Amino acid sequence: MSDIKYKEEKIKSPVDGTNMCFKVYSIPATEDYYLCMSSGFTTTSKHTITPDGVSEVVANMRKSAPKLITDLEWIDWDRELVWTPSILNMGPLGIIFPEGTIDDWVWKYAKIVEIPKEEQKNYPIPNKEGKFYESRLDIEGAQIFKSTEFLEACKAMGIVDDKRELKIKEGVFGNA
């Protein structure tokens, strides 16, 4: 059994033309992942499109994704990939997600907040009698960023610093 090693390559974004796009690939090759830190759009090597149609992954995504995600789809004909806005769930740091309509949308960053002891009874854990959540996503209090400010949302989350360098905190991706 061979170990898979992951490599990162900075590429020109096909979505907005910036140099803030990353391709993560493995050796030996498995699946490639792309994320444009400027636009917030993402894709994988399995999100393919050709003049003859789309991959099963794209077809299924189009059936299950929120309407805004599919409305904002961006086709990269050079790589034959379908790019969509990210939903960036970073566990204990919270989530960044798009919200709105195709003509008027924003990025939202919802933090994880502690639930006060006296309110925990309102947040039961399904199938765990007498157990309650101690924290939750603060969707109602989410910070709002323009559709062009994905990087600012990442800074608010604490995963990107002012030099636009990705800072993965220990424990966010397992032992990363």
N, C-alpha and C. Protein backbone atom coordinates (compact mmCIF):
# COMPACT_ATOMS: atom_id res chain seq x y z
N MET A 1 0.85 -1.18 0.00
CA MET A 1 0.00 0.00 0.00
C MET A 1 0.89 1.24 0.00
N SER A 2 0.70 2.12 -0.97
CA SER A 2 1.55 3.30 -1.06
C SER A 2 0.88 4.49 -0.36
N ASP A 3 1.70 5.36 0.17
CA ASP A 3 1.20 6.58 0.81
C ASP A 3 0.87 7.61 -0.27
N ILE A 4 -0.22 8.31 -0.06
CA ILE A 4 -0.59 9.39 -0.98
C ILE A 4 0.00 10.68 -0.43
N LYS A 5 0.67 11.42 -1.29
CA LYS A 5 1.24 12.70 -0.92
C LYS A 5 0.48 13.80 -1.66
N TYR A 6 0.15 14.87 -0.94
CA TYR A 6 -0.60 15.98 -1.54
C TYR A 6 0.34 17.14 -1.84
N LYS A 7 0.13 17.74 -2.99
CA LYS A 7 0.93 18.88 -3.44
C LYS A 7 -0.03 20.03 -3.75
N GLU A 8 0.47 21.23 -3.61
CA GLU A 8 -0.32 22.42 -3.90
C GLU A 8 0.37 23.22 -4.98
N GLU A 9 -0.43 23.74 -5.89
CA GLU A 9 0.09 24.55 -6.99
C GLU A 9 -0.78 25.80 -7.12
N LYS A 10 -0.15 26.96 -7.21
CA LYS A 10 -0.88 28.20 -7.43
C LYS A 10 -1.11 28.33 -8.94
N ILE A 11 -2.35 28.58 -9.32
CA ILE A 11 -2.69 28.72 -10.75
C ILE A 11 -3.45 30.02 -10.97
N LYS A 12 -3.54 30.45 -12.21
CA LYS A 12 -4.35 31.61 -12.56
C LYS A 12 -5.81 31.17 -12.51
N SER A 13 -6.62 31.93 -11.81
CA SER A 13 -8.04 31.57 -11.67
C SER A 13 -8.77 31.71 -12.99
N PRO A 14 -9.45 30.65 -13.42
CA PRO A 14 -10.26 30.77 -14.63
C PRO A 14 -11.55 31.55 -14.37
N VAL A 15 -11.90 31.75 -13.10
CA VAL A 15 -13.14 32.45 -12.75
C VAL A 15 -12.94 33.96 -12.81
N ASP A 16 -11.86 34.47 -12.18
CA ASP A 16 -11.69 35.93 -12.16
C ASP A 16 -10.31 36.41 -12.61
N GLY A 17 -9.44 35.49 -13.05
CA GLY A 17 -8.15 35.87 -13.60
C GLY A 17 -7.07 36.23 -12.59
N THR A 18 -7.37 36.13 -11.29
CA THR A 18 -6.36 36.46 -10.27
C THR A 18 -5.37 35.32 -10.11
N ASN A 19 -4.30 35.59 -9.38
CA ASN A 19 -3.31 34.56 -9.06
C ASN A 19 -3.54 34.00 -7.66
N MET A 20 -4.78 34.01 -7.22
CA MET A 20 -5.12 33.54 -5.88
C MET A 20 -5.91 32.24 -5.92
N CYS A 21 -5.59 31.42 -6.87
CA CYS A 21 -6.29 30.16 -7.05
C CYS A 21 -5.33 29.01 -6.78
N PHE A 22 -5.82 28.00 -6.09
CA PHE A 22 -4.97 26.88 -5.72
C PHE A 22 -5.52 25.57 -6.26
N LYS A 23 -4.61 24.75 -6.73
CA LYS A 23 -4.93 23.39 -7.15
C LYS A 23 -4.19 22.46 -6.18
N VAL A 24 -4.93 21.56 -5.56
CA VAL A 24 -4.34 20.56 -4.69
C VAL A 24 -4.49 19.23 -5.39
N TYR A 25 -3.37 18.53 -5.58
CA TYR A 25 -3.40 17.26 -6.27
C TYR A 25 -2.58 16.25 -5.48
N SER A 26 -2.72 14.99 -5.84
CA SER A 26 -2.02 13.95 -5.09
C SER A 26 -1.10 13.15 -5.99
N ILE A 27 -0.12 12.55 -5.34
CA ILE A 27 0.78 11.61 -6.01
C ILE A 27 0.75 10.34 -5.18
N PRO A 28 0.32 9.22 -5.71
CA PRO A 28 -0.23 9.04 -7.05
C PRO A 28 -1.55 9.79 -7.21
N ALA A 29 -1.92 10.03 -8.45
CA ALA A 29 -3.10 10.84 -8.76
C ALA A 29 -4.38 10.19 -8.25
N THR A 30 -5.20 11.00 -7.58
CA THR A 30 -6.54 10.57 -7.16
C THR A 30 -7.52 11.60 -7.71
N GLU A 31 -7.83 12.60 -6.92
CA GLU A 31 -8.74 13.66 -7.35
C GLU A 31 -8.06 15.00 -7.12
N ASP A 32 -8.22 15.93 -8.06
CA ASP A 32 -7.67 17.27 -7.91
C ASP A 32 -8.75 18.18 -7.33
N TYR A 33 -8.33 19.11 -6.47
CA TYR A 33 -9.24 20.06 -5.85
C TYR A 33 -8.77 21.46 -6.18
N TYR A 34 -9.71 22.35 -6.46
CA TYR A 34 -9.40 23.73 -6.81
C TYR A 34 -10.19 24.68 -5.91
N LEU A 35 -9.56 25.77 -5.50
CA LEU A 35 -10.25 26.81 -4.75
C LEU A 35 -9.66 28.16 -5.13
N CYS A 36 -10.52 29.06 -5.60
CA CYS A 36 -10.11 30.43 -5.89
C CYS A 36 -10.40 31.25 -4.65
N MET A 37 -9.34 31.72 -3.99
CA MET A 37 -9.49 32.48 -2.75
C MET A 37 -10.01 33.89 -3.01
N SER A 38 -9.98 34.34 -4.24
CA SER A 38 -10.49 35.67 -4.57
C SER A 38 -12.01 35.62 -4.81
N SER A 39 -12.45 34.71 -5.64
CA SER A 39 -13.89 34.63 -5.97
C SER A 39 -14.67 33.75 -5.01
N GLY A 40 -13.98 32.78 -4.38
CA GLY A 40 -14.66 31.83 -3.50
C GLY A 40 -15.22 30.64 -4.24
N PHE A 41 -14.94 30.54 -5.54
CA PHE A 41 -15.45 29.42 -6.32
C PHE A 41 -14.53 28.22 -6.19
N THR A 42 -15.09 27.04 -6.34
CA THR A 42 -14.35 25.80 -6.17
C THR A 42 -14.82 24.75 -7.17
N THR A 43 -14.00 23.73 -7.35
CA THR A 43 -14.36 22.59 -8.19
C THR A 43 -13.42 21.44 -7.87
N THR A 44 -13.67 20.31 -8.48
CA THR A 44 -12.76 19.16 -8.39
C THR A 44 -12.63 18.57 -9.79
N SER A 45 -11.69 17.66 -9.93
CA SER A 45 -11.49 17.02 -11.24
C SER A 45 -12.65 16.10 -11.59
N LYS A 46 -13.58 15.88 -10.68
CA LYS A 46 -14.77 15.06 -10.96
C LYS A 46 -15.97 15.89 -11.40
N HIS A 47 -15.86 17.21 -11.33
CA HIS A 47 -16.93 18.11 -11.75
C HIS A 47 -16.72 18.50 -13.21
N THR A 48 -16.83 17.51 -14.08
CA THR A 48 -16.47 17.72 -15.49
C THR A 48 -17.68 18.04 -16.37
N ILE A 49 -17.35 18.72 -17.47
CA ILE A 49 -18.34 19.05 -18.48
C ILE A 49 -17.64 18.98 -19.84
N THR A 50 -18.35 18.47 -20.82
CA THR A 50 -17.87 18.44 -22.19
C THR A 50 -19.02 18.91 -23.07
N PRO A 51 -18.76 19.16 -24.35
CA PRO A 51 -19.89 19.52 -25.24
C PRO A 51 -20.98 18.43 -25.26
N ASP A 52 -20.63 17.20 -24.86
CA ASP A 52 -21.60 16.10 -24.86
C ASP A 52 -22.41 16.00 -23.58
N GLY A 53 -22.01 16.74 -22.52
CA GLY A 53 -22.76 16.67 -21.28
C GLY A 53 -21.87 16.79 -20.06
N VAL A 54 -22.46 16.50 -18.89
CA VAL A 54 -21.75 16.65 -17.62
C VAL A 54 -21.54 15.29 -16.95
N SER A 55 -20.60 15.27 -16.02
CA SER A 55 -20.35 14.05 -15.25
C SER A 55 -21.51 13.76 -14.32
N GLU A 56 -21.56 12.55 -13.81
CA GLU A 56 -22.59 12.16 -12.85
C GLU A 56 -22.50 13.03 -11.59
N VAL A 57 -21.29 13.39 -11.20
CA VAL A 57 -21.08 14.25 -10.03
C VAL A 57 -21.77 15.60 -10.23
N VAL A 58 -21.60 16.21 -11.40
CA VAL A 58 -22.22 17.51 -11.68
C VAL A 58 -23.74 17.34 -11.77
N ALA A 59 -24.20 16.30 -12.43
CA ALA A 59 -25.64 16.06 -12.55
C ALA A 59 -26.28 15.93 -11.16
N ASN A 60 -25.64 15.18 -10.28
CA ASN A 60 -26.17 15.01 -8.92
C ASN A 60 -26.11 16.32 -8.13
N MET A 61 -25.02 17.06 -8.30
CA MET A 61 -24.89 18.35 -7.62
C MET A 61 -26.02 19.28 -8.06
N ARG A 62 -26.31 19.31 -9.34
CA ARG A 62 -27.37 20.18 -9.86
C ARG A 62 -28.73 19.80 -9.30
N LYS A 63 -28.93 18.54 -8.97
CA LYS A 63 -30.21 18.09 -8.40
C LYS A 63 -30.34 18.46 -6.92
N SER A 64 -29.22 18.46 -6.20
CA SER A 64 -29.30 18.60 -4.74
C SER A 64 -28.81 19.94 -4.18
N ALA A 65 -28.03 20.68 -4.93
CA ALA A 65 -27.46 21.93 -4.43
C ALA A 65 -28.52 23.03 -4.35
N PRO A 66 -28.33 23.99 -3.45
CA PRO A 66 -29.24 25.15 -3.42
C PRO A 66 -29.25 25.85 -4.77
N LYS A 67 -30.39 26.47 -5.10
CA LYS A 67 -30.57 27.12 -6.39
C LYS A 67 -29.46 28.14 -6.67
N LEU A 68 -29.07 28.90 -5.66
CA LEU A 68 -28.03 29.92 -5.87
C LEU A 68 -26.73 29.29 -6.37
N ILE A 69 -26.36 28.14 -5.82
CA ILE A 69 -25.12 27.46 -6.22
C ILE A 69 -25.18 27.12 -7.71
N THR A 70 -26.29 26.54 -8.15
CA THR A 70 -26.39 26.16 -9.56
C THR A 70 -26.57 27.38 -10.46
N ASP A 71 -27.25 28.41 -9.97
CA ASP A 71 -27.42 29.64 -10.77
C ASP A 71 -26.08 30.31 -11.05
N LEU A 72 -25.15 30.22 -10.10
CA LEU A 72 -23.86 30.90 -10.23
C LEU A 72 -22.76 30.04 -10.85
N GLU A 73 -23.12 28.85 -11.28
CA GLU A 73 -22.15 27.95 -11.93
C GLU A 73 -21.30 28.69 -12.95
N TRP A 74 -20.02 28.36 -12.98
CA TRP A 74 -19.11 28.97 -13.95
C TRP A 74 -18.40 27.84 -14.69
N ILE A 75 -18.44 27.86 -16.01
CA ILE A 75 -17.85 26.78 -16.81
C ILE A 75 -16.43 27.16 -17.25
N ASP A 76 -15.50 26.29 -16.93
CA ASP A 76 -14.09 26.44 -17.30
C ASP A 76 -13.87 25.48 -18.48
N TRP A 77 -14.05 26.00 -19.70
CA TRP A 77 -13.95 25.14 -20.88
C TRP A 77 -12.53 24.66 -21.13
N ASP A 78 -11.52 25.42 -20.70
CA ASP A 78 -10.13 25.00 -20.89
C ASP A 78 -9.85 23.70 -20.13
N ARG A 79 -10.34 23.59 -18.91
CA ARG A 79 -10.13 22.38 -18.11
C ARG A 79 -11.34 21.44 -18.16
N GLU A 80 -12.42 21.93 -18.77
CA GLU A 80 -13.69 21.19 -18.83
C GLU A 80 -14.21 20.88 -17.42
N LEU A 81 -14.26 21.94 -16.58
CA LEU A 81 -14.72 21.80 -15.21
C LEU A 81 -15.84 22.80 -14.92
N VAL A 82 -16.72 22.41 -14.00
CA VAL A 82 -17.80 23.28 -13.53
C VAL A 82 -17.40 23.81 -12.16
N TRP A 83 -17.33 25.13 -12.03
CA TRP A 83 -16.98 25.79 -10.77
C TRP A 83 -18.26 26.33 -10.13
N THR A 84 -18.33 26.26 -8.80
CA THR A 84 -19.48 26.79 -8.06
C THR A 84 -18.99 27.52 -6.81
N PRO A 85 -19.83 28.38 -6.24
CA PRO A 85 -19.44 29.03 -4.99
C PRO A 85 -19.20 27.99 -3.90
N SER A 86 -18.21 28.24 -3.07
CA SER A 86 -17.86 27.33 -1.98
C SER A 86 -18.86 27.42 -0.84
N ILE A 87 -19.01 26.32 -0.15
CA ILE A 87 -19.60 26.30 1.17
C ILE A 87 -18.47 25.74 2.03
N LEU A 88 -17.84 26.64 2.78
CA LEU A 88 -16.62 26.31 3.49
C LEU A 88 -16.93 26.06 4.97
N ASN A 89 -17.06 24.78 5.33
CA ASN A 89 -17.37 24.39 6.70
C ASN A 89 -16.07 24.01 7.39
N MET A 90 -15.66 24.83 8.33
CA MET A 90 -14.39 24.62 9.03
C MET A 90 -14.62 24.16 10.47
N GLY A 91 -15.65 23.38 10.69
CA GLY A 91 -15.91 22.79 12.00
C GLY A 91 -15.98 23.82 13.10
N PRO A 92 -15.03 23.78 14.04
CA PRO A 92 -15.09 24.67 15.20
C PRO A 92 -14.93 26.16 14.88
N LEU A 93 -14.49 26.48 13.66
CA LEU A 93 -14.33 27.89 13.27
C LEU A 93 -15.61 28.46 12.66
N GLY A 94 -16.53 27.60 12.23
CA GLY A 94 -17.77 28.07 11.63
C GLY A 94 -17.87 27.72 10.16
N ILE A 95 -18.71 28.48 9.45
CA ILE A 95 -18.99 28.19 8.04
C ILE A 95 -19.11 29.49 7.25
N ILE A 96 -18.61 29.44 6.01
CA ILE A 96 -18.79 30.54 5.06
C ILE A 96 -19.66 29.99 3.94
N PHE A 97 -20.70 30.74 3.59
CA PHE A 97 -21.62 30.25 2.57
C PHE A 97 -22.22 31.43 1.80
N PRO A 98 -22.65 31.18 0.53
CA PRO A 98 -23.29 32.24 -0.24
C PRO A 98 -24.79 32.28 0.07
N GLU A 99 -25.37 33.47 -0.02
CA GLU A 99 -26.81 33.60 0.19
C GLU A 99 -27.34 34.73 -0.66
N GLY A 100 -28.54 34.54 -1.21
CA GLY A 100 -29.18 35.59 -2.01
C GLY A 100 -29.72 35.03 -3.31
N THR A 101 -29.73 35.89 -4.32
CA THR A 101 -30.20 35.51 -5.65
C THR A 101 -29.07 35.75 -6.64
N ILE A 102 -29.22 35.25 -7.84
CA ILE A 102 -28.17 35.40 -8.85
C ILE A 102 -27.80 36.87 -9.08
N ASP A 103 -28.77 37.78 -8.92
CA ASP A 103 -28.52 39.21 -9.15
C ASP A 103 -28.08 39.96 -7.90
N ASP A 104 -28.24 39.37 -6.74
CA ASP A 104 -27.95 40.07 -5.49
C ASP A 104 -27.59 39.05 -4.41
N TRP A 105 -26.30 38.71 -4.35
CA TRP A 105 -25.89 37.70 -3.37
C TRP A 105 -24.67 38.17 -2.59
N VAL A 106 -24.48 37.53 -1.43
CA VAL A 106 -23.40 37.88 -0.51
C VAL A 106 -22.79 36.59 0.05
N TRP A 107 -21.61 36.77 0.67
CA TRP A 107 -21.01 35.70 1.47
C TRP A 107 -21.38 35.96 2.91
N LYS A 108 -21.69 34.90 3.64
CA LYS A 108 -21.96 35.02 5.07
C LYS A 108 -20.98 34.13 5.83
N TYR A 109 -20.52 34.64 6.96
CA TYR A 109 -19.67 33.86 7.85
C TYR A 109 -20.38 33.72 9.18
N ALA A 110 -20.75 32.49 9.51
CA ALA A 110 -21.41 32.19 10.78
C ALA A 110 -20.42 31.50 11.70
N LYS A 111 -20.22 32.09 12.88
CA LYS A 111 -19.32 31.52 13.88
C LYS A 111 -20.04 30.43 14.68
N ILE A 112 -19.26 29.64 15.36
CA ILE A 112 -19.79 28.72 16.35
C ILE A 112 -19.89 29.50 17.66
N VAL A 113 -21.04 29.45 18.30
CA VAL A 113 -21.23 30.14 19.57
C VAL A 113 -21.64 29.13 20.64
N GLU A 114 -21.23 29.41 21.86
CA GLU A 114 -21.61 28.57 23.00
C GLU A 114 -23.09 28.80 23.31
N ILE A 115 -23.78 27.75 23.67
CA ILE A 115 -25.17 27.86 24.09
C ILE A 115 -25.16 27.93 25.62
N PRO A 116 -25.74 28.99 26.18
CA PRO A 116 -25.77 29.08 27.64
C PRO A 116 -26.43 27.84 28.26
N LYS A 117 -25.92 27.42 29.41
CA LYS A 117 -26.41 26.21 30.10
C LYS A 117 -27.94 26.18 30.16
N GLU A 118 -28.54 27.32 30.54
CA GLU A 118 -30.00 27.36 30.72
C GLU A 118 -30.78 27.21 29.41
N GLU A 119 -30.12 27.42 28.26
CA GLU A 119 -30.78 27.30 26.96
C GLU A 119 -30.51 25.96 26.28
N GLN A 120 -29.54 25.19 26.76
CA GLN A 120 -29.15 23.94 26.10
C GLN A 120 -30.31 22.97 25.97
N LYS A 121 -31.28 23.02 26.89
CA LYS A 121 -32.44 22.12 26.82
C LYS A 121 -33.24 22.34 25.53
N ASN A 122 -33.08 23.49 24.90
CA ASN A 122 -33.77 23.81 23.64
C ASN A 122 -33.05 23.23 22.42
N TYR A 123 -31.89 22.58 22.65
CA TYR A 123 -31.08 22.05 21.56
C TYR A 123 -30.74 20.58 21.81
N PRO A 124 -31.77 19.71 21.79
CA PRO A 124 -31.50 18.28 22.06
C PRO A 124 -30.72 17.63 20.91
N ILE A 125 -29.85 16.69 21.27
CA ILE A 125 -29.11 15.92 20.27
C ILE A 125 -30.01 14.75 19.86
N PRO A 126 -30.34 14.64 18.56
CA PRO A 126 -31.23 13.57 18.11
C PRO A 126 -30.73 12.18 18.51
N ASN A 127 -31.64 11.35 18.92
CA ASN A 127 -31.36 9.96 19.29
C ASN A 127 -30.43 9.82 20.49
N LYS A 128 -30.28 10.86 21.28
CA LYS A 128 -29.44 10.79 22.49
C LYS A 128 -30.24 11.39 23.65
N GLU A 129 -31.06 10.57 24.22
CA GLU A 129 -31.95 10.98 25.31
C GLU A 129 -31.17 11.71 26.41
N GLY A 130 -31.65 12.91 26.77
CA GLY A 130 -31.05 13.67 27.86
C GLY A 130 -29.74 14.38 27.51
N LYS A 131 -29.31 14.33 26.24
CA LYS A 131 -28.07 14.99 25.81
C LYS A 131 -28.42 16.22 24.98
N PHE A 132 -27.67 17.29 25.18
CA PHE A 132 -27.96 18.55 24.50
C PHE A 132 -26.68 19.16 23.92
N TYR A 133 -26.87 19.87 22.80
CA TYR A 133 -25.74 20.57 22.20
C TYR A 133 -25.26 21.68 23.13
N GLU A 134 -23.95 21.91 23.14
CA GLU A 134 -23.35 22.96 23.95
C GLU A 134 -22.95 24.17 23.11
N SER A 135 -22.97 24.00 21.77
CA SER A 135 -22.65 25.10 20.86
C SER A 135 -23.47 24.94 19.59
N ARG A 136 -23.55 26.02 18.82
CA ARG A 136 -24.32 26.00 17.58
C ARG A 136 -23.75 27.03 16.61
N LEU A 137 -24.18 26.92 15.34
CA LEU A 137 -23.82 27.95 14.35
C LEU A 137 -24.70 29.17 14.57
N ASP A 138 -24.11 30.34 14.59
CA ASP A 138 -24.86 31.58 14.77
C ASP A 138 -25.26 32.14 13.41
N ILE A 139 -26.20 31.48 12.75
CA ILE A 139 -26.66 31.89 11.42
C ILE A 139 -27.31 33.28 11.48
N GLU A 140 -28.10 33.51 12.54
CA GLU A 140 -28.79 34.80 12.66
C GLU A 140 -27.81 35.96 12.81
N GLY A 141 -26.69 35.73 13.44
CA GLY A 141 -25.70 36.79 13.66
C GLY A 141 -24.54 36.75 12.70
N ALA A 142 -24.70 36.06 11.58
CA ALA A 142 -23.61 35.91 10.61
C ALA A 142 -23.13 37.26 10.08
N GLN A 143 -21.80 37.38 9.91
CA GLN A 143 -21.22 38.56 9.28
C GLN A 143 -21.50 38.48 7.78
N ILE A 144 -21.75 39.62 7.17
CA ILE A 144 -22.10 39.68 5.75
C ILE A 144 -20.97 40.36 4.97
N PHE A 145 -20.61 39.74 3.84
CA PHE A 145 -19.56 40.26 2.96
C PHE A 145 -20.10 40.32 1.53
N LYS A 146 -19.66 41.32 0.77
CA LYS A 146 -20.07 41.43 -0.63
C LYS A 146 -19.67 40.16 -1.38
N SER A 147 -20.30 39.92 -2.51
CA SER A 147 -20.00 38.73 -3.32
C SER A 147 -18.55 38.72 -3.80
N THR A 148 -17.90 39.87 -3.78
CA THR A 148 -16.50 39.99 -4.20
C THR A 148 -15.53 39.93 -3.02
N GLU A 149 -16.04 39.64 -1.81
CA GLU A 149 -15.21 39.69 -0.61
C GLU A 149 -15.05 38.34 0.09
N PHE A 150 -14.90 37.28 -0.68
CA PHE A 150 -14.70 35.95 -0.09
C PHE A 150 -13.45 35.93 0.79
N LEU A 151 -12.38 36.55 0.32
CA LEU A 151 -11.13 36.58 1.07
C LEU A 151 -11.33 37.28 2.42
N GLU A 152 -12.13 38.33 2.44
CA GLU A 152 -12.42 39.04 3.70
C GLU A 152 -13.17 38.13 4.66
N ALA A 153 -14.09 37.32 4.14
CA ALA A 153 -14.81 36.36 4.99
C ALA A 153 -13.83 35.34 5.57
N CYS A 154 -12.87 34.90 4.76
CA CYS A 154 -11.85 33.95 5.24
C CYS A 154 -10.97 34.58 6.31
N LYS A 155 -10.67 35.88 6.15
CA LYS A 155 -9.89 36.59 7.18
C LYS A 155 -10.69 36.65 8.48
N ALA A 156 -11.99 36.95 8.39
CA ALA A 156 -12.83 37.01 9.59
C ALA A 156 -12.86 35.66 10.29
N MET A 157 -12.86 34.58 9.52
CA MET A 157 -12.86 33.23 10.08
C MET A 157 -11.51 32.90 10.72
N GLY A 158 -10.47 33.56 10.25
CA GLY A 158 -9.14 33.33 10.81
C GLY A 158 -8.32 32.30 10.07
N ILE A 159 -8.72 31.98 8.83
CA ILE A 159 -7.97 30.98 8.07
C ILE A 159 -7.04 31.60 7.04
N VAL A 160 -7.09 32.94 6.91
CA VAL A 160 -6.21 33.66 6.00
C VAL A 160 -5.69 34.88 6.76
N ASP A 161 -4.41 35.17 6.61
CA ASP A 161 -3.87 36.35 7.28
C ASP A 161 -3.85 37.54 6.32
N ASP A 162 -3.35 38.67 6.79
CA ASP A 162 -3.34 39.89 5.98
C ASP A 162 -2.43 39.81 4.76
N LYS A 163 -1.51 38.85 4.76
CA LYS A 163 -0.64 38.66 3.60
C LYS A 163 -1.28 37.73 2.58
N ARG A 164 -2.55 37.38 2.81
CA ARG A 164 -3.31 36.48 1.94
C ARG A 164 -2.74 35.07 1.94
N GLU A 165 -2.11 34.70 3.05
CA GLU A 165 -1.57 33.36 3.17
C GLU A 165 -2.53 32.51 3.97
N LEU A 166 -2.78 31.33 3.49
CA LEU A 166 -3.69 30.40 4.15
C LEU A 166 -3.06 29.94 5.45
N LYS A 167 -3.81 30.03 6.53
CA LYS A 167 -3.34 29.58 7.84
C LYS A 167 -4.28 28.48 8.32
N ILE A 168 -3.88 27.26 8.19
CA ILE A 168 -4.72 26.17 8.66
C ILE A 168 -4.37 25.91 10.12
N LYS A 169 -5.33 26.14 10.98
CA LYS A 169 -5.09 25.95 12.40
C LYS A 169 -5.10 24.47 12.74
N GLU A 170 -4.28 24.10 13.70
CA GLU A 170 -4.18 22.69 14.12
C GLU A 170 -5.57 22.21 14.54
N GLY A 171 -5.90 21.01 14.10
CA GLY A 171 -7.16 20.40 14.47
C GLY A 171 -8.30 20.68 13.50
N VAL A 172 -8.14 21.65 12.60
CA VAL A 172 -9.21 21.94 11.66
C VAL A 172 -9.34 20.83 10.63
N PHE A 173 -8.23 20.35 10.12
CA PHE A 173 -8.23 19.24 9.17
C PHE A 173 -7.56 18.04 9.83
N GLY A 174 -8.13 17.55 10.91
CA GLY A 174 -7.51 16.43 11.62
C GLY A 174 -6.20 16.88 12.21
N ASN A 175 -5.10 16.30 11.79
CA ASN A 175 -3.79 16.63 12.35
C ASN A 175 -3.02 17.63 11.49
N ALA A 176 -3.68 18.23 10.54
CA ALA A 176 -2.98 19.17 9.64
C ALA A 176 -2.42 20.35 10.40
